[in-house]
N, C-alpha and C. Protein backbone atom coordinates (compact mmCIF):
# COMPACT_ATOMS: atom_id res chain seq x y z
N UNK A 1 0.83 -1.21 0.00
CA UNK A 1 0.00 0.00 0.00
C UNK A 1 0.86 1.26 0.00
N UNK A 2 2.08 1.16 0.53
CA UNK A 2 2.95 2.34 0.59
C UNK A 2 3.55 2.68 -0.76
N UNK A 3 3.48 1.74 -1.72
CA UNK A 3 4.07 1.99 -3.04
C UNK A 3 3.11 2.69 -3.98
N UNK A 4 1.81 2.69 -3.68
CA UNK A 4 0.83 3.24 -4.62
C UNK A 4 0.97 4.75 -4.79
N UNK A 5 1.18 5.56 -3.71
CA UNK A 5 1.35 6.99 -3.94
C UNK A 5 2.54 7.31 -4.83
N UNK A 6 3.65 6.54 -4.66
CA UNK A 6 4.81 6.76 -5.52
C UNK A 6 4.50 6.47 -6.97
N UNK A 7 3.73 5.39 -7.21
CA UNK A 7 3.37 5.05 -8.58
C UNK A 7 2.52 6.13 -9.21
N UNK A 8 1.62 6.75 -8.39
CA UNK A 8 0.77 7.80 -8.93
C UNK A 8 1.57 9.06 -9.24
N UNK A 9 2.67 9.29 -8.51
CA UNK A 9 3.44 10.50 -8.71
C UNK A 9 4.48 10.39 -9.82
N UNK A 10 4.68 9.20 -10.39
CA UNK A 10 5.71 9.02 -11.41
C UNK A 10 5.46 9.82 -12.67
N UNK A 11 4.23 9.79 -13.27
CA UNK A 11 4.04 10.57 -14.50
C UNK A 11 4.34 12.05 -14.30
N UNK A 12 3.92 12.64 -13.11
CA UNK A 12 4.21 14.04 -12.86
C UNK A 12 5.70 14.27 -12.75
N UNK A 13 6.40 13.38 -12.07
CA UNK A 13 7.84 13.53 -11.88
C UNK A 13 8.57 13.44 -13.21
N UNK A 14 8.22 12.47 -14.03
CA UNK A 14 8.90 12.31 -15.31
C UNK A 14 8.56 13.46 -16.26
N UNK A 15 7.34 13.98 -16.20
CA UNK A 15 7.00 15.13 -17.03
C UNK A 15 7.81 16.34 -16.62
N UNK A 16 7.99 16.53 -15.31
CA UNK A 16 8.82 17.63 -14.84
C UNK A 16 10.27 17.43 -15.27
N UNK A 17 10.75 16.19 -15.21
CA UNK A 17 12.10 15.90 -15.67
C UNK A 17 12.25 16.18 -17.15
N UNK A 18 11.24 15.83 -17.93
CA UNK A 18 11.27 16.08 -19.37
C UNK A 18 11.37 17.57 -19.67
N UNK A 19 10.56 18.38 -18.99
CA UNK A 19 10.60 19.82 -19.21
C UNK A 19 11.95 20.41 -18.81
N UNK A 20 12.50 19.90 -17.71
CA UNK A 20 13.81 20.38 -17.26
C UNK A 20 14.88 20.05 -18.29
N UNK A 21 14.87 18.81 -18.79
CA UNK A 21 15.86 18.42 -19.79
C UNK A 21 15.67 19.20 -21.09
N UNK A 22 14.44 19.47 -21.46
CA UNK A 22 14.17 20.24 -22.67
C UNK A 22 14.71 21.65 -22.54
N UNK A 23 14.45 22.28 -21.39
CA UNK A 23 14.95 23.64 -21.16
C UNK A 23 16.47 23.67 -21.17
N UNK A 24 17.10 22.70 -20.52
CA UNK A 24 18.56 22.65 -20.49
C UNK A 24 19.13 22.43 -21.89
N UNK A 25 18.51 21.54 -22.66
CA UNK A 25 19.00 21.25 -24.01
C UNK A 25 18.84 22.46 -24.93
N UNK A 26 17.74 23.20 -24.78
CA UNK A 26 17.55 24.39 -25.60
C UNK A 26 18.59 25.46 -25.28
N UNK A 27 18.86 25.64 -23.98
CA UNK A 27 19.88 26.61 -23.60
C UNK A 27 21.25 26.19 -24.11
N UNK A 28 21.53 24.88 -24.08
CA UNK A 28 22.81 24.39 -24.58
C UNK A 28 22.92 24.62 -26.08
N UNK A 29 21.83 24.36 -26.81
CA UNK A 29 21.86 24.55 -28.26
C UNK A 29 22.04 26.01 -28.62
N UNK A 30 21.34 26.91 -27.90
CA UNK A 30 21.47 28.33 -28.19
C UNK A 30 22.86 28.85 -27.84
N UNK A 31 23.50 28.23 -26.86
CA UNK A 31 24.85 28.67 -26.48
C UNK A 31 25.86 28.38 -27.58
N UNK A 32 25.53 27.47 -28.49
CA UNK A 32 26.45 27.14 -29.59
C UNK A 32 26.25 28.06 -30.80
N UNK A 33 25.29 28.97 -30.73
CA UNK A 33 25.07 29.88 -31.86
C UNK A 33 26.26 30.83 -32.02
N UNK A 34 26.64 31.04 -33.26
CA UNK A 34 27.66 32.04 -33.56
C UNK A 34 27.07 33.43 -33.35
N UNK A 35 27.91 34.46 -33.19
CA UNK A 35 27.38 35.82 -33.01
C UNK A 35 26.46 36.22 -34.16
N UNK A 36 25.29 36.72 -33.80
CA UNK A 36 24.32 37.09 -34.83
C UNK A 36 24.79 38.30 -35.64
N UNK A 37 25.70 39.09 -35.08
CA UNK A 37 26.26 40.19 -35.86
C UNK A 37 27.08 39.67 -37.04
N UNK A 38 27.76 38.55 -36.86
CA UNK A 38 28.47 37.91 -37.98
C UNK A 38 27.50 37.25 -38.94
N UNK A 39 26.43 36.72 -38.40
CA UNK A 39 25.45 36.03 -39.23
C UNK A 39 24.75 37.00 -40.19
N UNK A 40 24.45 38.22 -39.70
CA UNK A 40 23.72 39.20 -40.51
C UNK A 40 24.63 40.33 -41.01
N UNK A 41 25.93 40.08 -41.08
CA UNK A 41 26.86 41.11 -41.55
C UNK A 41 26.60 41.42 -43.03
N UNK A 42 26.14 42.64 -43.30
CA UNK A 42 25.76 43.00 -44.68
C UNK A 42 26.95 43.02 -45.62
N UNK A 43 28.12 43.37 -45.11
CA UNK A 43 29.30 43.45 -45.97
C UNK A 43 29.81 42.08 -46.41
N UNK A 44 29.29 41.02 -45.79
CA UNK A 44 29.77 39.68 -46.11
C UNK A 44 28.89 38.97 -47.13
N UNK A 45 27.90 39.67 -47.68
CA UNK A 45 27.00 39.05 -48.65
C UNK A 45 27.37 39.48 -50.06
N UNK A 46 27.41 38.49 -50.94
CA UNK A 46 27.71 38.76 -52.35
C UNK A 46 27.16 37.62 -53.19
N UNK A 47 26.87 37.93 -54.44
CA UNK A 47 26.33 36.92 -55.34
C UNK A 47 27.41 35.89 -55.66
N UNK A 48 27.10 34.59 -55.56
CA UNK A 48 28.10 33.56 -55.87
C UNK A 48 28.46 33.58 -57.35
N UNK A 49 29.71 33.27 -57.63
CA UNK A 49 30.18 33.32 -59.02
C UNK A 49 29.61 32.18 -59.85
N UNK A 50 29.34 31.05 -59.23
CA UNK A 50 28.81 29.90 -59.96
C UNK A 50 28.05 29.01 -58.99
N UNK A 51 27.45 27.97 -59.55
CA UNK A 51 26.71 27.04 -58.71
C UNK A 51 27.64 26.29 -57.76
N UNK A 52 28.83 25.93 -58.24
CA UNK A 52 29.79 25.25 -57.37
C UNK A 52 30.25 26.16 -56.24
N UNK A 53 30.39 27.46 -56.55
CA UNK A 53 30.76 28.41 -55.50
C UNK A 53 29.66 28.53 -54.46
N UNK A 54 28.41 28.51 -54.91
CA UNK A 54 27.28 28.58 -53.98
C UNK A 54 27.23 27.35 -53.08
N UNK A 55 27.43 26.17 -53.65
CA UNK A 55 27.40 24.94 -52.84
C UNK A 55 28.58 24.89 -51.87
N UNK A 56 29.74 25.41 -52.31
CA UNK A 56 30.90 25.44 -51.42
C UNK A 56 30.64 26.38 -50.24
N UNK A 57 30.07 27.54 -50.54
CA UNK A 57 29.71 28.47 -49.46
C UNK A 57 28.69 27.84 -48.51
N UNK A 58 27.71 27.17 -49.09
CA UNK A 58 26.65 26.58 -48.27
C UNK A 58 27.21 25.53 -47.32
N UNK A 59 28.13 24.70 -47.81
CA UNK A 59 28.72 23.67 -46.95
C UNK A 59 29.51 24.30 -45.80
N UNK A 60 30.32 25.30 -46.11
CA UNK A 60 31.14 25.90 -45.06
C UNK A 60 30.29 26.72 -44.10
N UNK A 61 29.31 27.47 -44.63
CA UNK A 61 28.43 28.24 -43.76
C UNK A 61 27.59 27.34 -42.87
N UNK A 62 27.17 26.19 -43.40
CA UNK A 62 26.38 25.28 -42.59
C UNK A 62 27.23 24.70 -41.46
N UNK A 63 28.49 24.40 -41.76
CA UNK A 63 29.37 23.88 -40.71
C UNK A 63 29.64 24.93 -39.64
N UNK A 64 29.68 26.18 -40.05
CA UNK A 64 30.00 27.25 -39.11
C UNK A 64 28.76 27.76 -38.37
N UNK A 65 27.65 27.96 -39.09
CA UNK A 65 26.43 28.54 -38.51
C UNK A 65 25.35 27.50 -38.26
N UNK A 66 25.72 26.24 -38.07
CA UNK A 66 24.69 25.21 -37.98
C UNK A 66 23.72 25.45 -36.83
N UNK A 67 24.19 25.93 -35.69
CA UNK A 67 23.29 26.21 -34.57
C UNK A 67 22.36 27.37 -34.90
N UNK A 68 22.89 28.39 -35.58
CA UNK A 68 22.05 29.52 -36.00
C UNK A 68 20.98 29.07 -36.98
N UNK A 69 21.37 28.19 -37.91
CA UNK A 69 20.41 27.71 -38.90
C UNK A 69 19.30 26.89 -38.22
N UNK A 70 19.67 26.07 -37.26
CA UNK A 70 18.66 25.29 -36.55
C UNK A 70 17.72 26.21 -35.77
N UNK A 71 18.26 27.28 -35.20
CA UNK A 71 17.42 28.23 -34.48
C UNK A 71 16.43 28.92 -35.43
N UNK A 72 16.90 29.30 -36.61
CA UNK A 72 16.01 29.94 -37.59
C UNK A 72 14.95 28.97 -38.07
N UNK A 73 15.36 27.72 -38.34
CA UNK A 73 14.39 26.72 -38.79
C UNK A 73 13.33 26.48 -37.73
N UNK A 74 13.74 26.40 -36.48
CA UNK A 74 12.79 26.21 -35.39
C UNK A 74 11.87 27.41 -35.25
N UNK A 75 12.43 28.62 -35.40
CA UNK A 75 11.62 29.83 -35.28
C UNK A 75 10.57 29.92 -36.39
N UNK A 76 10.97 29.57 -37.61
CA UNK A 76 10.01 29.60 -38.73
C UNK A 76 8.90 28.58 -38.51
N UNK A 77 9.28 27.38 -38.08
CA UNK A 77 8.29 26.34 -37.83
C UNK A 77 7.36 26.73 -36.69
N UNK A 78 7.92 27.32 -35.65
CA UNK A 78 7.10 27.77 -34.52
C UNK A 78 6.14 28.87 -34.94
N UNK A 79 6.62 29.81 -35.73
CA UNK A 79 5.75 30.89 -36.22
C UNK A 79 4.62 30.32 -37.08
N UNK A 80 4.93 29.33 -37.91
CA UNK A 80 3.89 28.73 -38.74
C UNK A 80 2.81 28.06 -37.89
N UNK A 81 3.23 27.42 -36.81
CA UNK A 81 2.27 26.76 -35.93
C UNK A 81 1.46 27.76 -35.11
N UNK A 82 2.12 28.83 -34.64
CA UNK A 82 1.42 29.82 -33.83
C UNK A 82 0.35 30.54 -34.64
N UNK A 83 0.62 30.77 -35.91
CA UNK A 83 -0.36 31.45 -36.75
C UNK A 83 -1.52 30.55 -37.13
N UNK A 84 -1.45 29.27 -36.79
CA UNK A 84 -2.56 28.33 -37.01
C UNK A 84 -2.84 27.62 -35.69
N UNK A 85 -3.59 28.27 -34.79
CA UNK A 85 -3.77 27.73 -33.44
C UNK A 85 -4.43 26.36 -33.42
N UNK A 86 -5.38 26.10 -34.31
CA UNK A 86 -6.06 24.81 -34.31
C UNK A 86 -5.08 23.69 -34.61
N UNK A 87 -4.24 23.87 -35.60
CA UNK A 87 -3.22 22.86 -35.94
C UNK A 87 -2.22 22.70 -34.80
N UNK A 88 -1.88 23.80 -34.14
CA UNK A 88 -0.95 23.74 -33.02
C UNK A 88 -1.55 22.92 -31.87
N UNK A 89 -2.83 23.11 -31.59
CA UNK A 89 -3.49 22.35 -30.52
C UNK A 89 -3.51 20.86 -30.86
N UNK A 90 -3.78 20.54 -32.12
CA UNK A 90 -3.80 19.13 -32.54
C UNK A 90 -2.42 18.51 -32.40
N UNK A 91 -1.38 19.23 -32.82
CA UNK A 91 -0.02 18.70 -32.74
C UNK A 91 0.41 18.53 -31.29
N UNK A 92 0.12 19.50 -30.43
CA UNK A 92 0.48 19.38 -29.02
C UNK A 92 -0.27 18.24 -28.35
N UNK A 93 -1.52 18.03 -28.75
CA UNK A 93 -2.29 16.91 -28.20
C UNK A 93 -1.69 15.57 -28.62
N UNK A 94 -1.22 15.50 -29.87
CA UNK A 94 -0.59 14.28 -30.34
C UNK A 94 0.71 14.00 -29.59
N UNK A 95 1.51 15.05 -29.40
CA UNK A 95 2.77 14.88 -28.66
C UNK A 95 2.49 14.48 -27.22
N UNK A 96 1.48 15.10 -26.60
CA UNK A 96 1.13 14.75 -25.22
C UNK A 96 0.65 13.30 -25.13
N UNK A 97 -0.08 12.85 -26.12
CA UNK A 97 -0.54 11.46 -26.12
C UNK A 97 0.64 10.49 -26.17
N UNK A 98 1.63 10.78 -27.02
CA UNK A 98 2.82 9.93 -27.11
C UNK A 98 3.59 9.92 -25.79
N UNK A 99 3.72 11.09 -25.17
CA UNK A 99 4.51 11.18 -23.95
C UNK A 99 3.84 10.49 -22.77
N UNK A 100 2.57 10.82 -22.53
CA UNK A 100 1.93 10.38 -21.30
C UNK A 100 1.23 9.02 -21.43
N UNK A 101 1.01 8.56 -22.66
CA UNK A 101 0.39 7.23 -22.82
C UNK A 101 1.42 6.16 -23.16
N UNK A 102 2.62 6.57 -23.61
CA UNK A 102 3.59 5.55 -24.02
C UNK A 102 4.98 5.82 -23.44
N UNK A 103 5.58 6.97 -23.74
CA UNK A 103 6.98 7.20 -23.37
C UNK A 103 7.18 7.34 -21.87
N UNK A 104 6.30 8.08 -21.21
CA UNK A 104 6.48 8.37 -19.80
C UNK A 104 5.60 7.53 -18.88
N UNK A 105 4.81 6.65 -19.42
CA UNK A 105 3.90 5.87 -18.59
C UNK A 105 4.64 4.68 -18.00
N UNK A 106 4.61 4.49 -16.66
CA UNK A 106 5.27 3.34 -16.04
C UNK A 106 4.70 2.03 -16.56
N UNK A 107 5.56 1.04 -16.72
CA UNK A 107 5.14 -0.23 -17.30
C UNK A 107 4.15 -0.97 -16.41
N UNK A 108 4.23 -0.77 -15.08
CA UNK A 108 3.32 -1.50 -14.20
C UNK A 108 1.98 -0.79 -14.03
N UNK A 109 1.81 0.37 -14.70
CA UNK A 109 0.55 1.11 -14.63
C UNK A 109 -0.17 0.94 -15.96
N UNK A 110 -1.08 -0.03 -16.09
CA UNK A 110 -1.73 -0.30 -17.38
C UNK A 110 -2.71 0.80 -17.77
N UNK A 111 -2.96 0.89 -19.06
CA UNK A 111 -3.94 1.84 -19.57
C UNK A 111 -5.30 1.16 -19.65
N UNK A 112 -6.25 1.70 -18.92
CA UNK A 112 -7.60 1.13 -18.86
C UNK A 112 -8.58 2.17 -19.34
N UNK A 113 -9.32 1.85 -20.42
CA UNK A 113 -10.33 2.74 -20.97
C UNK A 113 -11.62 1.96 -21.11
N UNK A 114 -12.67 2.45 -20.43
CA UNK A 114 -13.99 1.81 -20.46
C UNK A 114 -13.91 0.34 -20.05
N UNK A 115 -13.10 0.07 -19.04
CA UNK A 115 -13.00 -1.28 -18.51
C UNK A 115 -12.11 -2.21 -19.29
N UNK A 116 -11.48 -1.75 -20.36
CA UNK A 116 -10.60 -2.60 -21.16
C UNK A 116 -9.16 -2.18 -20.95
N UNK A 117 -8.28 -3.15 -20.71
CA UNK A 117 -6.86 -2.90 -20.49
C UNK A 117 -6.11 -3.07 -21.80
N UNK A 118 -5.29 -2.07 -22.14
CA UNK A 118 -4.53 -2.08 -23.39
C UNK A 118 -3.06 -2.38 -23.09
N UNK A 119 -2.50 -3.28 -23.88
CA UNK A 119 -1.08 -3.63 -23.74
C UNK A 119 -0.22 -2.57 -24.41
N UNK A 120 1.10 -2.69 -24.23
CA UNK A 120 2.03 -1.73 -24.84
C UNK A 120 1.97 -1.79 -26.36
N UNK A 121 1.82 -2.98 -26.91
CA UNK A 121 1.75 -3.11 -28.37
C UNK A 121 0.49 -2.45 -28.90
N UNK A 122 -0.62 -2.64 -28.20
CA UNK A 122 -1.88 -2.02 -28.63
C UNK A 122 -1.80 -0.50 -28.52
N UNK A 123 -1.19 -0.01 -27.45
CA UNK A 123 -1.03 1.45 -27.32
C UNK A 123 -0.16 1.99 -28.44
N UNK A 124 0.93 1.29 -28.75
CA UNK A 124 1.81 1.74 -29.82
C UNK A 124 1.09 1.75 -31.16
N UNK A 125 0.32 0.71 -31.45
CA UNK A 125 -0.41 0.64 -32.71
C UNK A 125 -1.43 1.77 -32.81
N UNK A 126 -2.14 2.03 -31.73
CA UNK A 126 -3.14 3.10 -31.74
C UNK A 126 -2.48 4.46 -31.95
N UNK A 127 -1.35 4.68 -31.29
CA UNK A 127 -0.66 5.96 -31.43
C UNK A 127 -0.09 6.14 -32.84
N UNK A 128 0.42 5.06 -33.43
CA UNK A 128 0.94 5.15 -34.80
C UNK A 128 -0.18 5.49 -35.77
N UNK A 129 -1.31 4.82 -35.65
CA UNK A 129 -2.45 5.10 -36.52
C UNK A 129 -2.93 6.53 -36.32
N UNK A 130 -3.00 6.97 -35.07
CA UNK A 130 -3.43 8.33 -34.78
C UNK A 130 -2.46 9.34 -35.38
N UNK A 131 -1.16 9.05 -35.32
CA UNK A 131 -0.16 9.95 -35.90
C UNK A 131 -0.31 10.05 -37.41
N UNK A 132 -0.51 8.92 -38.06
CA UNK A 132 -0.71 8.91 -39.52
C UNK A 132 -1.93 9.73 -39.90
N UNK A 133 -3.02 9.55 -39.16
CA UNK A 133 -4.25 10.29 -39.44
C UNK A 133 -4.03 11.79 -39.27
N UNK A 134 -3.36 12.18 -38.19
CA UNK A 134 -3.15 13.60 -37.92
C UNK A 134 -2.23 14.22 -38.96
N UNK A 135 -1.16 13.52 -39.34
CA UNK A 135 -0.17 14.09 -40.26
C UNK A 135 -0.69 14.16 -41.69
N UNK A 136 -1.39 13.10 -42.13
CA UNK A 136 -1.75 13.01 -43.55
C UNK A 136 -3.19 13.39 -43.84
N UNK A 137 -4.04 13.49 -42.86
CA UNK A 137 -5.45 13.78 -43.12
C UNK A 137 -5.92 15.06 -42.44
N UNK A 138 -5.02 15.84 -41.91
CA UNK A 138 -5.36 17.15 -41.35
C UNK A 138 -4.39 18.17 -41.92
N UNK A 139 -4.58 19.41 -41.51
CA UNK A 139 -3.71 20.48 -42.01
C UNK A 139 -2.35 20.50 -41.32
N UNK A 140 -2.16 19.66 -40.30
CA UNK A 140 -0.90 19.67 -39.56
C UNK A 140 0.26 19.26 -40.46
N UNK A 141 0.07 18.19 -41.24
CA UNK A 141 1.15 17.71 -42.11
C UNK A 141 1.60 18.75 -43.12
N UNK A 142 0.64 19.36 -43.83
CA UNK A 142 1.00 20.37 -44.82
C UNK A 142 1.63 21.59 -44.17
N UNK A 143 1.17 21.93 -42.96
CA UNK A 143 1.74 23.07 -42.25
C UNK A 143 3.18 22.80 -41.84
N UNK A 144 3.45 21.59 -41.34
CA UNK A 144 4.82 21.24 -40.96
C UNK A 144 5.74 21.22 -42.18
N UNK A 145 5.26 20.63 -43.27
CA UNK A 145 6.09 20.56 -44.48
C UNK A 145 6.38 21.95 -45.03
N UNK A 146 5.35 22.81 -45.09
CA UNK A 146 5.56 24.16 -45.61
C UNK A 146 6.50 24.96 -44.72
N UNK A 147 6.37 24.81 -43.39
CA UNK A 147 7.26 25.52 -42.48
C UNK A 147 8.70 25.05 -42.62
N UNK A 148 8.90 23.73 -42.73
CA UNK A 148 10.25 23.20 -42.88
C UNK A 148 10.86 23.63 -44.21
N UNK A 149 10.07 23.58 -45.29
CA UNK A 149 10.58 23.98 -46.59
C UNK A 149 10.93 25.47 -46.61
N UNK A 150 10.13 26.30 -45.96
CA UNK A 150 10.43 27.73 -45.90
C UNK A 150 11.72 27.96 -45.11
N UNK A 151 11.87 27.26 -44.00
CA UNK A 151 13.11 27.39 -43.22
C UNK A 151 14.32 26.94 -43.99
N UNK A 152 14.20 25.82 -44.72
CA UNK A 152 15.32 25.33 -45.53
C UNK A 152 15.67 26.32 -46.64
N UNK A 153 14.65 26.95 -47.22
CA UNK A 153 14.91 27.94 -48.28
C UNK A 153 15.68 29.13 -47.73
N UNK A 154 15.33 29.59 -46.52
CA UNK A 154 16.05 30.70 -45.90
C UNK A 154 17.49 30.31 -45.61
N UNK A 155 17.68 29.09 -45.10
CA UNK A 155 19.03 28.61 -44.80
C UNK A 155 19.87 28.52 -46.06
N UNK A 156 19.31 27.95 -47.12
CA UNK A 156 20.06 27.80 -48.38
C UNK A 156 20.40 29.17 -48.98
N UNK A 157 19.46 30.12 -48.91
CA UNK A 157 19.73 31.44 -49.46
C UNK A 157 20.85 32.14 -48.69
N UNK A 158 20.79 32.05 -47.38
CA UNK A 158 21.85 32.68 -46.59
C UNK A 158 23.19 31.99 -46.84
N UNK A 159 23.19 30.65 -46.84
CA UNK A 159 24.43 29.92 -47.04
C UNK A 159 25.06 30.15 -48.40
N UNK A 160 24.24 30.39 -49.42
CA UNK A 160 24.78 30.59 -50.77
C UNK A 160 25.30 32.00 -50.98
N UNK A 161 24.68 33.00 -50.35
CA UNK A 161 25.07 34.40 -50.59
C UNK A 161 26.01 34.95 -49.52
N UNK A 162 26.17 34.24 -48.41
CA UNK A 162 27.08 34.72 -47.37
C UNK A 162 28.49 34.22 -47.69
N UNK A 163 29.42 35.16 -47.91
CA UNK A 163 30.80 34.77 -48.21
C UNK A 163 31.43 34.08 -47.01
N UNK A 164 32.19 33.04 -47.28
CA UNK A 164 32.72 32.20 -46.21
C UNK A 164 34.24 32.32 -46.04
N UNK A 165 34.88 33.27 -46.74
CA UNK A 165 36.33 33.38 -46.65
C UNK A 165 36.79 33.84 -45.26
N UNK A 166 35.93 34.57 -44.55
CA UNK A 166 36.32 35.10 -43.24
C UNK A 166 35.96 34.16 -42.09
N UNK A 167 35.45 32.98 -42.42
CA UNK A 167 35.02 32.04 -41.39
C UNK A 167 36.13 31.05 -41.10
N UNK A 168 36.38 30.80 -39.84
CA UNK A 168 37.41 29.86 -39.42
C UNK A 168 36.75 28.80 -38.54
N UNK A 169 36.69 27.59 -39.05
CA UNK A 169 36.05 26.51 -38.32
C UNK A 169 36.92 26.08 -37.17
N UNK A 170 36.29 25.74 -36.06
CA UNK A 170 37.02 25.22 -34.90
C UNK A 170 36.26 24.03 -34.36
N UNK A 171 36.83 23.39 -33.37
CA UNK A 171 36.19 22.24 -32.76
C UNK A 171 35.02 22.72 -31.92
N UNK A 172 33.83 22.30 -32.31
CA UNK A 172 32.61 22.70 -31.61
C UNK A 172 31.83 21.46 -31.23
N UNK A 173 31.38 21.39 -30.00
CA UNK A 173 30.65 20.22 -29.52
C UNK A 173 29.35 20.07 -30.29
N UNK A 174 29.04 18.87 -30.80
CA UNK A 174 27.80 18.68 -31.53
C UNK A 174 26.61 19.02 -30.65
N UNK A 175 25.74 19.91 -31.12
CA UNK A 175 24.60 20.34 -30.34
C UNK A 175 23.37 19.49 -30.61
N UNK A 176 23.36 18.79 -31.74
CA UNK A 176 22.15 18.07 -32.11
C UNK A 176 21.78 17.00 -31.11
N UNK A 177 22.81 16.26 -30.63
CA UNK A 177 22.52 15.21 -29.67
C UNK A 177 22.00 15.80 -28.38
N UNK A 178 22.56 16.93 -27.96
CA UNK A 178 22.09 17.54 -26.73
C UNK A 178 20.68 18.06 -26.86
N UNK A 179 20.29 18.45 -28.06
CA UNK A 179 18.97 19.02 -28.25
C UNK A 179 17.88 17.97 -28.32
N UNK A 180 18.18 16.83 -28.94
CA UNK A 180 17.14 15.85 -29.18
C UNK A 180 17.22 14.62 -28.30
N UNK A 181 18.22 14.57 -27.43
CA UNK A 181 18.37 13.40 -26.59
C UNK A 181 17.54 13.46 -25.32
N UNK A 182 16.85 14.60 -25.06
CA UNK A 182 16.13 14.71 -23.81
C UNK A 182 14.95 13.75 -23.75
N UNK A 183 14.36 13.40 -24.89
CA UNK A 183 13.23 12.48 -24.88
C UNK A 183 13.67 11.09 -24.45
N UNK A 184 14.78 10.61 -25.06
CA UNK A 184 15.25 9.29 -24.68
C UNK A 184 15.75 9.27 -23.25
N UNK A 185 16.38 10.37 -22.83
CA UNK A 185 16.86 10.44 -21.45
C UNK A 185 15.70 10.45 -20.48
N UNK A 186 14.64 11.17 -20.81
CA UNK A 186 13.48 11.19 -19.93
C UNK A 186 12.79 9.83 -19.89
N UNK A 187 12.75 9.15 -21.04
CA UNK A 187 12.18 7.81 -21.05
C UNK A 187 13.00 6.85 -20.20
N UNK A 188 14.33 7.00 -20.25
CA UNK A 188 15.18 6.17 -19.42
C UNK A 188 14.94 6.46 -17.93
N UNK A 189 14.74 7.75 -17.61
CA UNK A 189 14.45 8.10 -16.22
C UNK A 189 13.13 7.50 -15.78
N UNK A 190 12.14 7.51 -16.69
CA UNK A 190 10.86 6.93 -16.35
C UNK A 190 10.99 5.43 -16.09
N UNK A 191 11.79 4.74 -16.90
CA UNK A 191 11.98 3.31 -16.69
C UNK A 191 12.69 3.04 -15.38
N UNK A 192 13.68 3.88 -15.06
CA UNK A 192 14.40 3.71 -13.79
C UNK A 192 13.48 3.97 -12.60
N UNK A 193 12.63 4.98 -12.73
CA UNK A 193 11.71 5.28 -11.64
C UNK A 193 10.67 4.18 -11.47
N UNK A 194 10.28 3.56 -12.59
CA UNK A 194 9.31 2.48 -12.52
C UNK A 194 9.90 1.25 -11.87
N UNK A 195 11.20 1.04 -12.06
CA UNK A 195 11.84 -0.14 -11.48
C UNK A 195 12.26 0.06 -10.04
N UNK A 196 12.32 1.31 -9.58
CA UNK A 196 12.81 1.58 -8.23
C UNK A 196 11.95 0.95 -7.15
N UNK A 197 10.58 1.06 -7.19
CA UNK A 197 9.78 0.45 -6.14
C UNK A 197 9.96 -1.06 -6.07
N UNK A 198 10.15 -1.69 -7.24
CA UNK A 198 10.33 -3.14 -7.25
C UNK A 198 11.61 -3.51 -6.52
N UNK A 199 12.68 -2.73 -6.77
CA UNK A 199 13.96 -3.02 -6.10
C UNK A 199 13.84 -2.80 -4.60
N UNK A 200 13.16 -1.71 -4.20
CA UNK A 200 13.00 -1.42 -2.79
C UNK A 200 12.19 -2.49 -2.10
N UNK A 201 11.11 -2.95 -2.76
CA UNK A 201 10.28 -3.97 -2.15
C UNK A 201 11.03 -5.27 -1.98
N UNK A 202 11.94 -5.59 -2.93
CA UNK A 202 12.72 -6.82 -2.80
C UNK A 202 13.71 -6.71 -1.65
N UNK A 203 14.28 -5.50 -1.49
CA UNK A 203 15.21 -5.32 -0.38
C UNK A 203 14.49 -5.38 0.95
């Protein structure tokens, strides 16, 4: 009986852990951004001499400004979602369903709806079908694609017209893993928290 309150508090604890890891990862990713004064330096923009020159600039600029480009892509996608509140609510609901019904839900706490208990495989199948329906049969999919394509177009335009002769690459810690690893880390924390009462009870 003493283990039940802990089991009830796990989803809240793991959700708080997820938000903390997300905030930390975002701050870490933003800390890798190059100075925005260099990014928007007007004197450094010029028309590329050829297509090969544009691709060479794009490769070097992407290696140097990759954190800035990811920030711009995220900002464009966020703006696209904010300007369409209904699609934003649907997407957030889908993400919440994945987190609280599958990723963060303790394994010993079954999902019961209308007296029927659903296994992990059934929950996964339902969530996959729901994701396909939301992405391909609502405006969310087209909105995400258009936002991503617009962000990529901005990145390619900047990378092709921004001269790269003044850029000096250095060793920079990859930010991508730090930005996107919080979900797996939070899921691992949820699994560890779910196993903790079992270990304590055995002891």
